[in-house]
PDB file of N, CA and C in Angstrom:
ATOM      1  N   MET A   1      -4.424   1.490  -6.231  1.00  0.00           N
ATOM      2  CA  MET A   1      -3.123   0.877  -7.387  1.00  0.00           C
ATOM      3  C   MET A   1      -4.656   0.579  -8.422  1.00  0.00           C
ATOM      4  N   ASP A   2      -3.904   0.437  -9.518  1.00  0.00           N
ATOM      5  CA  ASP A   2      -4.620   0.351 -10.441  1.00  0.00           C
ATOM      6  C   ASP A   2      -4.326  -0.441 -11.308  1.00  0.00           C
ATOM      7  N   ALA A   3      -5.542  -1.322 -11.559  1.00  0.00           N
ATOM      8  CA  ALA A   3      -5.388  -2.842 -12.515  1.00  0.00           C
ATOM      9  C   ALA A   3      -3.627  -2.852 -13.408  1.00  0.00           C
ATOM     10  N   LYS A   4      -3.418  -1.853 -14.052  1.00  0.00           N
ATOM     11  CA  LYS A   4      -1.505  -1.752 -15.339  1.00  0.00           C
ATOM     12  C   LYS A   4      -1.515  -1.841 -13.723  1.00  0.00           C
ATOM     13  N   THR A   5      -1.200  -0.418 -13.313  1.00  0.00           N
ATOM     14  CA  THR A   5       0.281  -0.208 -12.124  1.00  0.00           C
ATOM     15  C   THR A   5       0.590  -1.799 -11.539  1.00  0.00           C
ATOM     16  N   LYS A   6      -0.423  -2.348 -10.888  1.00  0.00           N
ATOM     17  CA  LYS A   6      -0.621  -4.142 -10.014  1.00  0.00           C
ATOM     18  C   LYS A   6      -0.004  -5.052 -11.269  1.00  0.00           C
ATOM     19  N   PHE A   7      -0.524  -5.327 -12.628  1.00  0.00           N
ATOM     20  CA  PHE A   7       0.744  -6.066 -13.600  1.00  0.00           C
ATOM     21  C   PHE A   7       1.232  -5.376 -13.557  1.00  0.00           C
ATOM     22  N   ASP A   8       1.887  -4.331 -14.050  1.00  0.00           N
ATOM     23  CA  ASP A   8       3.235  -3.380 -13.932  1.00  0.00           C
ATOM     24  C   ASP A   8       4.226  -4.469 -12.688  1.00  0.00           C
ATOM     25  N   ASN A   9       4.176  -3.880 -11.597  1.00  0.00           N
ATOM     26  CA  ASN A   9       5.099  -4.760 -11.207  1.00  0.00           C
ATOM     27  C   ASN A   9       4.920  -6.055 -10.598  1.00  0.00           C
ATOM     28  N   VAL A  10       3.473  -6.774 -10.757  1.00  0.00           N
ATOM     29  CA  VAL A  10       3.776  -8.241 -11.385  1.00  0.00           C
ATOM     30  C   VAL A  10       5.159  -8.427 -12.327  1.00  0.00           C
ATOM     31  N   LEU A  11       5.314  -8.317 -13.511  1.00  0.00           N
ATOM     32  CA  LEU A  11       5.824  -8.682 -14.677  1.00  0.00           C
ATOM     33  C   LEU A  11       6.974  -8.421 -14.068  1.00  0.00           C
ATOM     34  N   GLU A  12       7.230  -6.664 -14.034  1.00  0.00           N
ATOM     35  CA  GLU A  12       8.599  -6.755 -12.891  1.00  0.00           C
ATOM     36  C   GLU A  12       9.240  -8.277 -12.248  1.00  0.00           C
ATOM     37  N   ARG A  13       8.641  -8.785 -11.347  1.00  0.00           N
ATOM     38  CA  ARG A  13       8.607  -9.473 -10.524  1.00  0.00           C
ATOM     39  C   ARG A  13       8.790 -10.854 -11.331  1.00  0.00           C
ATOM     40  N   ALA A  14       8.173 -10.704 -12.649  1.00  0.00           N
ATOM     41  CA  ALA A  14       8.638 -11.717 -13.364  1.00  0.00           C
ATOM     42  C   ALA A  14       9.884 -12.390 -14.508  1.00  0.00           C
ATOM     43  N   THR A  15      10.001 -11.311 -14.223  1.00  0.00           N
ATOM     44  CA  THR A  15      11.252 -10.874 -15.186  1.00  0.00           C
ATOM     45  C   THR A  15      12.426 -11.001 -14.632  1.00  0.00           C
ATOM     46  N   ALA A  16      12.382  -9.987 -13.195  1.00  0.00           N
ATOM     47  CA  ALA A  16      13.241 -10.927 -12.251  1.00  0.00           C
ATOM     48  C   ALA A  16      14.318 -12.313 -12.350  1.00  0.00           C
ATOM     49  N   LEU A  17      12.760 -12.789 -12.272  1.00  0.00           N
ATOM     50  CA  LEU A  17      13.384 -14.372 -12.548  1.00  0.00           C
ATOM     51  C   LEU A  17      13.651 -15.422 -13.328  1.00  0.00           C
ATOM     52  N   CYS A  18      13.675 -14.268 -14.248  1.00  0.00           N
ATOM     53  CA  CYS A  18      13.931 -14.655 -15.605  1.00  0.00           C
ATOM     54  C   CYS A  18      15.568 -14.026 -15.705  1.00  0.00           C
ATOM     55  N   ASP A  19      15.544 -13.191 -14.986  1.00  0.00           N
ATOM     56  CA  ASP A  19      17.323 -12.223 -15.397  1.00  0.00           C
ATOM     57  C   ASP A  19      18.128 -12.956 -14.237  1.00  0.00           C
ATOM     58  N   LEU A  20      17.371 -13.861 -13.638  1.00  0.00           N
ATOM     59  CA  LEU A  20      18.148 -14.454 -11.748  1.00  0.00           C
ATOM     60  C   LEU A  20      18.335 -16.451 -12.726  1.00  0.00           C
ATOM     61  N   HIS A  21      17.719 -16.094 -13.642  1.00  0.00           N
ATOM     62  CA  HIS A  21      18.132 -17.512 -14.091  1.00  0.00           C
ATOM     63  C   HIS A  21      18.792 -17.892 -15.252  1.00  0.00           C
ATOM     64  N   ALA A  22      18.989 -16.681 -15.825  1.00  0.00           N
ATOM     65  CA  ALA A  22      20.497 -16.068 -16.732  1.00  0.00           C
ATOM     66  C   ALA A  22      21.569 -16.128 -16.235  1.00  0.00           C
ATOM     67  N   ARG A  23      21.602 -15.240 -14.722  1.00  0.00           N
ATOM     68  CA  ARG A  23      22.564 -15.002 -14.128  1.00  0.00           C
ATOM     69  C   ARG A  23      23.126 -16.062 -13.913  1.00  0.00           C
ATOM     70  N   LEU A  24      22.017 -17.017 -13.317  1.00  0.00           N
ATOM     71  CA  LEU A  24      22.487 -18.296 -12.493  1.00  0.00           C
ATOM     72  C   LEU A  24      23.118 -19.885 -13.500  1.00  0.00           C
ATOM     73  N   GLU A  25      22.664 -19.448 -14.142  1.00  0.00           N
ATOM     74  CA  GLU A  25      22.978 -20.747 -15.755  1.00  0.00           C
ATOM     75  C   GLU A  25      23.755 -20.516 -16.344  1.00  0.00           C
ATOM     76  N   THR A  26      24.386 -19.300 -16.712  1.00  0.00           N
ATOM     77  CA  THR A  26      25.732 -18.793 -16.293  1.00  0.00           C
ATOM     78  C   THR A  26      27.294 -18.996 -16.134  1.00  0.00           C
ATOM     79  N   HIS A  27      26.782 -18.120 -14.627  1.00  0.00           N
ATOM     80  CA  HIS A  27      27.521 -18.372 -13.359  1.00  0.00           C
ATOM     81  C   HIS A  27      27.169 -19.145 -12.587  1.00  0.00           C
ATOM     82  N   GLY A  28      27.044 -20.092 -13.134  1.00  0.00           N
ATOM     83  CA  GLY A  28      26.188 -21.988 -11.544  1.00  0.00           C
ATOM     84  C   GLY A  28      25.282 -21.442 -10.189  1.00  0.00           C
ATOM     85  N   VAL A  29      25.351 -22.567  -9.982  1.00  0.00           N
ATOM     86  CA  VAL A  29      24.273 -21.975  -8.460  1.00  0.00           C
ATOM     87  C   VAL A  29      25.644 -21.584  -7.154  1.00  0.00           C
ATOM     88  N   PRO A  30      25.490 -21.188  -6.961  1.00  0.00           N
ATOM     89  CA  PRO A  30      26.776 -20.875  -5.044  1.00  0.00           C
ATOM     90  C   PRO A  30      25.924 -21.356  -3.875  1.00  0.00           C
ATOM     91  N   GLY A  31      26.530 -22.169  -3.608  1.00  0.00           N
ATOM     92  CA  GLY A  31      26.179 -22.798  -1.774  1.00  0.00           C
ATOM     93  C   GLY A  31      26.279 -23.894  -2.048  1.00  0.00           C
ATOM     94  N   ASP A  32      25.158 -24.840  -1.206  1.00  0.00           N
ATOM     95  CA  ASP A  32      25.569 -25.936  -1.342  1.00  0.00           C
ATOM     96  C   ASP A  32      24.765 -26.546  -1.866  1.00  0.00           C
ATOM     97  N   ASP A  33      25.152 -28.330  -2.420  1.00  0.00           N
ATOM     98  CA  ASP A  33      25.080 -29.279  -3.409  1.00  0.00           C
ATOM     99  C   ASP A  33      23.545 -29.394  -3.529  1.00  0.00           C
ATOM    100  N   ASP A  34      22.206 -29.050  -2.711  1.00  0.00           N
ATOM    101  CA  ASP A  34      21.008 -29.967  -2.402  1.00  0.00           C
ATOM    102  C   ASP A  34      20.688 -28.214  -3.321  1.00  0.00           C
ATOM    103  N   VAL A  35      21.017 -26.934  -2.806  1.00  0.00           N
ATOM    104  CA  VAL A  35      20.536 -25.884  -3.646  1.00  0.00           C
ATOM    105  C   VAL A  35      21.190 -25.974  -5.437  1.00  0.00           C
ATOM    106  N   ALA A  36      22.262 -26.187  -5.473  1.00  0.00           N
ATOM    107  CA  ALA A  36      23.013 -26.638  -6.360  1.00  0.00           C
ATOM    108  C   ALA A  36      21.781 -27.447  -7.519  1.00  0.00           C
ATOM    109  N   ASN A  37      21.446 -28.254  -7.070  1.00  0.00           N
ATOM    110  CA  ASN A  37      20.734 -29.927  -8.207  1.00  0.00           C
ATOM    111  C   ASN A  37      19.417 -29.349  -7.722  1.00  0.00           C
ATOM    112  N   LEU A  38      18.719 -27.880  -7.828  1.00  0.00           N
ATOM    113  CA  LEU A  38      18.058 -27.238  -7.594  1.00  0.00           C
ATOM    114  C   LEU A  38      17.659 -27.217  -9.549  1.00  0.00           C
ATOM    115  N   SER A  39      16.223 -27.286  -9.861  1.00  0.00           N
ATOM    116  CA  SER A  39      16.089 -27.309 -11.687  1.00  0.00           C
ATOM    117  C   SER A  39      16.502 -25.312 -11.254  1.00  0.00           C
ATOM    118  N   LEU A  40      16.930 -24.889 -12.165  1.00  0.00           N
ATOM    119  CA  LEU A  40      17.039 -23.439 -11.975  1.00  0.00           C
ATOM    120  C   LEU A  40      15.877 -23.784 -13.228  1.00  0.00           C
ATOM    121  N   ASP A  41      15.358 -24.694 -14.267  1.00  0.00           N
ATOM    122  CA  ASP A  41      14.152 -24.115 -14.998  1.00  0.00           C
ATOM    123  C   ASP A  41      12.993 -23.688 -14.170  1.00  0.00           C
ATOM    124  N   ASP A  42      12.404 -24.109 -12.637  1.00  0.00           N
ATOM    125  CA  ASP A  42      11.660 -23.979 -11.996  1.00  0.00           C
ATOM    126  C   ASP A  42      11.333 -22.415 -11.758  1.00  0.00           C
ATOM    127  N   LEU A  43      12.903 -22.085 -11.817  1.00  0.00           N
ATOM    128  CA  LEU A  43      12.834 -20.189 -11.802  1.00  0.00           C
ATOM    129  C   LEU A  43      12.023 -19.415 -13.273  1.00  0.00           C
ATOM    130  N   LEU A  44      12.305 -20.531 -14.314  1.00  0.00           N
ATOM    131  CA  LEU A  44      10.881 -20.264 -15.659  1.00  0.00           C
ATOM    132  C   LEU A  44      10.045 -20.462 -15.346  1.00  0.00           C
ATOM    133  N   ARG A  45       9.407 -21.674 -14.548  1.00  0.00           N
ATOM    134  CA  ARG A  45       8.043 -22.130 -15.017  1.00  0.00           C
ATOM    135  C   ARG A  45       7.831 -20.842 -13.895  1.00  0.00           C
ATOM    136  N   SER A  46       7.996 -21.258 -12.729  1.00  0.00           N
ATOM    137  CA  SER A  46       7.414 -19.111 -11.227  1.00  0.00           C
ATOM    138  C   SER A  46       7.329 -18.028 -12.173  1.00  0.00           C
ATOM    139  N   ALA A  47       7.995 -18.149 -13.298  1.00  0.00           N
ATOM    140  CA  ALA A  47       7.826 -16.259 -13.747  1.00  0.00           C
ATOM    141  C   ALA A  47       6.186 -16.688 -14.653  1.00  0.00           C
ATOM    142  N   LEU A  48       6.452 -17.732 -15.007  1.00  0.00           N
ATOM    143  CA  LEU A  48       5.702 -18.076 -15.945  1.00  0.00           C
ATOM    144  C   LEU A  48       4.531 -17.931 -15.268  1.00  0.00           C
ATOM    145  N   MET A  49       3.988 -18.253 -14.490  1.00  0.00           N
ATOM    146  CA  MET A  49       2.799 -18.251 -13.489  1.00  0.00           C
ATOM    147  C   MET A  49       2.215 -17.360 -12.861  1.00  0.00           C
ATOM    148  N   LEU A  50       3.513 -17.019 -12.330  1.00  0.00           N
ATOM    149  CA  LEU A  50       3.523 -14.992 -11.810  1.00  0.00           C
ATOM    150  C   LEU A  50       2.969 -14.525 -13.153  1.00  0.00           C
ATOM    151  N   GLY A  51       2.872 -14.653 -14.404  1.00  0.00           N
ATOM    152  CA  GLY A  51       2.566 -13.833 -15.140  1.00  0.00           C
ATOM    153  C   GLY A  51       1.562 -14.144 -15.843  1.00  0.00           C
ATOM    154  N   VAL A  52       0.601 -15.535 -15.874  1.00  0.00           N
ATOM    155  CA  VAL A  52      -0.386 -15.659 -15.771  1.00  0.00           C
ATOM    156  C   VAL A  52      -0.768 -15.279 -14.156  1.00  0.00           C
ATOM    157  N   SER A  53      -0.867 -15.639 -13.544  1.00  0.00           N
ATOM    158  CA  SER A  53      -2.111 -14.496 -12.139  1.00  0.00           C
ATOM    159  C   SER A  53      -1.044 -13.327 -12.462  1.00  0.00           C
ATOM    160  N   GLY A  54      -0.701 -13.152 -13.042  1.00  0.00           N
ATOM    161  CA  GLY A  54      -0.635 -11.392 -13.140  1.00  0.00           C
ATOM    162  C   GLY A  54      -1.799 -10.984 -13.968  1.00  0.00           C
ATOM    163  N   MET A  55      -1.793 -11.413 -15.369  1.00  0.00           N
ATOM    164  CA  MET A  55      -2.306 -11.416 -16.518  1.00  0.00           C
ATOM    165  C   MET A  55      -4.062 -11.142 -15.632  1.00  0.00           C
ATOM    166  N   ASP A  56      -4.670 -13.018 -14.540  1.00  0.00           N
ATOM    167  CA  ASP A  56      -5.979 -12.281 -14.056  1.00  0.00           C
ATOM    168  C   ASP A  56      -5.885 -11.357 -14.009  1.00  0.00           C
ATOM    169  N   ALA A  57      -5.628 -11.703 -12.675  1.00  0.00           N
ATOM    170  CA  ALA A  57      -5.626 -10.942 -11.886  1.00  0.00           C
ATOM    171  C   ALA A  57      -5.952  -9.135 -11.908  1.00  0.00           C
ATOM    172  N   TYR A  58      -4.833  -8.481 -13.673  1.00  0.00           N
ATOM    173  CA  TYR A  58      -5.275  -7.647 -14.207  1.00  0.00           C
ATOM    174  C   TYR A  58      -6.906  -7.523 -14.711  1.00  0.00           C
ATOM    175  N   TYR A  59      -7.427  -8.570 -15.839  1.00  0.00           N
ATOM    176  CA  TYR A  59      -8.686  -8.467 -15.805  1.00  0.00           C
ATOM    177  C   TYR A  59      -9.691  -8.792 -14.900  1.00  0.00           C
ATOM    178  N   ARG A  60      -9.543  -9.322 -14.080  1.00  0.00           N
ATOM    179  CA  ARG A  60     -10.293  -9.109 -12.792  1.00  0.00           C
ATOM    180  C   ARG A  60     -10.201  -7.838 -12.450  1.00  0.00           C
ATOM    181  N   ASP A  61      -9.373  -6.792 -11.963  1.00  0.00           N
ATOM    182  CA  ASP A  61      -9.715  -5.495 -11.551  1.00  0.00           C
ATOM    183  C   ASP A  61      -9.829  -4.079 -12.593  1.00  0.00           C
ATOM    184  N   LYS A  62      -9.071  -5.036 -13.823  1.00  0.00           N
ATOM    185  CA  LYS A  62      -9.571  -3.836 -14.204  1.00  0.00           C
ATOM    186  C   LYS A  62     -11.756  -3.773 -15.525  1.00  0.00           C
ATOM    187  N   PHE A  63     -12.018  -5.302 -14.319  1.00  0.00           N
ATOM    188  CA  PHE A  63     -13.532  -5.841 -15.219  1.00  0.00           C
ATOM    189  C   PHE A  63     -14.323  -4.487 -13.992  1.00  0.00           C
ATOM    190  N   VAL A  64     -13.799  -4.743 -12.507  1.00  0.00           N
ATOM    191  CA  VAL A  64     -14.047  -3.765 -11.559  1.00  0.00           C
ATOM    192  C   VAL A  64     -14.271  -2.627 -11.323  1.00  0.00           C
ATOM    193  N   GLU A  65     -12.666  -2.486 -11.692  1.00  0.00           N
ATOM    194  CA  GLU A  65     -12.524  -0.938 -11.978  1.00  0.00           C
ATOM    195  C   GLU A  65     -13.825  -0.050 -13.013  1.00  0.00           C
ATOM    196  N   ARG A  66     -13.561  -0.867 -14.244  1.00  0.00           N
ATOM    197  CA  ARG A  66     -15.082  -0.530 -15.382  1.00  0.00           C
ATOM    198  C   ARG A  66     -15.916  -0.697 -15.085  1.00  0.00           C
ATOM    199  N   LEU A  67     -16.769  -1.380 -14.259  1.00  0.00           N
ATOM    200  CA  LEU A  67     -18.234  -2.055 -13.535  1.00  0.00           C
ATOM    201  C   LEU A  67     -18.490  -1.301 -12.759  1.00  0.00           C
ATOM    202  N   VAL A  68     -18.079  -1.153 -11.847  1.00  0.00           N
ATOM    203  CA  VAL A  68     -18.280   0.290  -9.996  1.00  0.00           C
ATOM    204  C   VAL A  68     -19.146   1.288 -11.468  1.00  0.00           C
ATOM    205  N   PRO A  69     -17.581   1.737 -12.088  1.00  0.00           N
ATOM    206  CA  PRO A  69     -18.756   3.760 -12.033  1.00  0.00           C
ATOM    207  C   PRO A  69     -20.089   3.438 -13.900  1.00  0.00           C
ATOM    208  N   TYR A  70     -19.594   2.150 -14.369  1.00  0.00           N
ATOM    209  CA  TYR A  70     -20.738   2.136 -14.863  1.00  0.00           C
ATOM    210  C   TYR A  70     -22.194   1.935 -14.130  1.00  0.00           C
ATOM    211  N   THR A  71     -21.714   0.750 -13.201  1.00  0.00           N
ATOM    212  CA  THR A  71     -23.384   0.727 -12.858  1.00  0.00           C
ATOM    213  C   THR A  71     -23.984   2.243 -11.896  1.00  0.00           C
ATOM    214  N   LYS A  72     -22.826   2.754 -10.872  1.00  0.00           N
ATOM    215  CA  LYS A  72     -23.546   3.558 -10.495  1.00  0.00           C
ATOM    216  C   LYS A  72     -24.127   4.748 -11.307  1.00  0.00           C
ATOM    217  N   LYS A  73     -23.275   4.849 -12.694  1.00  0.00           N
ATOM    218  CA  LYS A  73     -24.638   5.193 -13.351  1.00  0.00           C
ATOM    219  C   LYS A  73     -25.508   5.347 -14.314  1.00  0.00           C
ATOM    220  N   HIS A  74     -25.956   4.323 -14.475  1.00  0.00           N
ATOM    221  CA  HIS A  74     -26.638   3.171 -15.106  1.00  0.00           C
ATOM    222  C   HIS A  74     -27.481   2.575 -14.415  1.00  0.00           C
ATOM    223  N   GLY A  75     -27.141   1.913 -13.032  1.00  0.00           N
ATOM    224  CA  GLY A  75     -27.841   1.735 -12.280  1.00  0.00           C
ATOM    225  C   GLY A  75     -27.365  -0.220 -12.672  1.00  0.00           C
ATOM    226  N   PRO A  76     -27.624  -1.398 -12.063  1.00  0.00           N
ATOM    227  CA  PRO A  76     -27.649  -2.251 -12.227  1.00  0.00           C
ATOM    228  C   PRO A  76     -28.652  -3.042 -13.092  1.00  0.00           C
ATOM    229  N   LYS A  77     -27.877  -4.198 -14.093  1.00  0.00           N
ATOM    230  CA  LYS A  77     -29.005  -4.344 -15.167  1.00  0.00           C
ATOM    231  C   LYS A  77     -29.064  -5.628 -15.069  1.00  0.00           C
ATOM    232  N   LYS A  78     -30.276  -6.370 -15.123  1.00  0.00           N
ATOM    233  CA  LYS A  78     -31.144  -7.597 -14.929  1.00  0.00           C
ATOM    234  C   LYS A  78     -29.541  -8.681 -15.984  1.00  0.00           C
ATOM    235  N   VAL A  79     -29.436  -8.006 -16.970  1.00  0.00           N
ATOM    236  CA  VAL A  79     -28.401  -9.293 -17.802  1.00  0.00           C
ATOM    237  C   VAL A  79     -27.182  -9.257 -17.505  1.00  0.00           C
ATOM    238  N   LEU A  80     -26.877  -8.395 -16.888  1.00  0.00           N
ATOM    239  CA  LEU A  80     -25.280  -8.368 -16.004  1.00  0.00           C
ATOM    240  C   LEU A  80     -25.841  -9.227 -14.660  1.00  0.00           C
ATOM    241  N   GLU A  81     -26.438  -9.000 -14.227  1.00  0.00           N
ATOM    242  CA  GLU A  81     -26.236  -9.179 -12.868  1.00  0.00           C
ATOM    243  C   GLU A  81     -26.518 -10.767 -13.228  1.00  0.00           C
ATOM    244  N   ASN A  82     -27.110 -12.078 -13.994  1.00  0.00           N
ATOM    245  CA  ASN A  82     -27.798 -12.864 -14.785  1.00  0.00           C
ATOM    246  C   ASN A  82     -26.323 -13.616 -15.288  1.00  0.00           C
ATOM    247  N   ALA A  83     -25.670 -12.988 -15.371  1.00  0.00           N
ATOM    248  CA  ALA A  83     -24.340 -13.228 -15.783  1.00  0.00           C
ATOM    249  C   ALA A  83     -22.924 -13.547 -14.987  1.00  0.00           C
ATOM    250  N   LEU A  84     -23.373 -12.284 -14.219  1.00  0.00           N
ATOM    251  CA  LEU A  84     -22.620 -12.901 -12.822  1.00  0.00           C
ATOM    252  C   LEU A  84     -22.411 -13.272 -12.146  1.00  0.00           C
ATOM    253  N   GLU A  85     -23.998 -13.804 -11.293  1.00  0.00           N
ATOM    254  CA  GLU A  85     -24.556 -15.020 -11.366  1.00  0.00           C
ATOM    255  C   GLU A  85     -24.315 -16.557 -11.813  1.00  0.00           C
ATOM    256  N   LYS A  86     -24.528 -16.666 -13.006  1.00  0.00           N
ATOM    257  CA  LYS A  86     -23.995 -17.569 -13.840  1.00  0.00           C
ATOM    258  C   LYS A  86     -22.052 -17.689 -13.413  1.00  0.00           C
ATOM    259  N   ALA A  87     -21.684 -17.483 -13.135  1.00  0.00           N
ATOM    260  CA  ALA A  87     -19.945 -17.189 -12.524  1.00  0.00           C
ATOM    261  C   ALA A  87     -19.828 -17.351 -10.867  1.00  0.00           C
ATOM    262  N   GLY A  88     -20.516 -16.952 -10.623  1.00  0.00           N
ATOM    263  CA  GLY A  88     -20.908 -17.758  -9.137  1.00  0.00           C
ATOM    264  C   GLY A  88     -20.080 -16.072  -8.235  1.00  0.00           C
ATOM    265  N   VAL A  89     -20.490 -15.231  -8.735  1.00  0.00           N
ATOM    266  CA  VAL A  89     -20.416 -13.438  -7.828  1.00  0.00           C
ATOM    267  C   VAL A  89     -21.814 -12.884  -8.160  1.00  0.00           C
ATOM    268  N   THR A  90     -21.940 -12.200  -6.963  1.00  0.00           N
ATOM    269  CA  THR A  90     -23.620 -11.481  -7.437  1.00  0.00           C
ATOM    270  C   THR A  90     -22.273  -9.816  -6.990  1.00  0.00           C
ATOM    271  N   MET A  91     -23.936  -9.749  -7.718  1.00  0.00           N
ATOM    272  CA  MET A  91     -23.094  -7.240  -7.878  1.00  0.00           C
ATOM    273  C   MET A  91     -22.595  -7.024  -6.532  1.00  0.00           C
ATOM    274  N   ALA A  92     -23.374  -8.066  -5.591  1.00  0.00           N
ATOM    275  CA  ALA A  92     -23.173  -7.425  -3.878  1.00  0.00           C
ATOM    276  C   ALA A  92     -21.786  -7.860  -3.983  1.00  0.00           C
ATOM    277  N   ASP A  93     -20.975  -8.455  -4.063  1.00  0.00           N
ATOM    278  CA  ASP A  93     -19.407  -8.714  -3.951  1.00  0.00           C
ATOM    279  C   ASP A  93     -19.318  -8.465  -4.566  1.00  0.00           C
ATOM    280  N   ILE A  94     -19.063  -7.580  -5.680  1.00  0.00           N
ATOM    281  CA  ILE A  94     -18.257  -6.412  -6.474  1.00  0.00           C
ATOM    282  C   ILE A  94     -18.424  -5.144  -6.077  1.00  0.00           C
ATOM    283  N   LEU A  95     -19.696  -5.115  -6.012  1.00  0.00           N
ATOM    284  CA  LEU A  95     -19.498  -3.623  -5.319  1.00  0.00           C
ATOM    285  C   LEU A  95     -19.609  -3.238  -4.083  1.00  0.00           C
TER     286      LEU A  95
END
């Protein structure tokens, strides 16, 4: 699955959490008091965090999707290897 498809799937899940929040806020939370006392805003916080992690994964995956073909075509460049090593990653990790 490519980076964009993964991101779209995560975004759908985050949107579903927002929709659930809206429905529960309108109709109330069914069930026992422990569940009813949970903060509905936690659903929005969860949606936000899911979206942020989805963006992080998208950019990481997109970088790798482009790096691998570039490196295979042009060979590893020392400046790129040095930049990756500064970030704590090696070319071997990515390839």
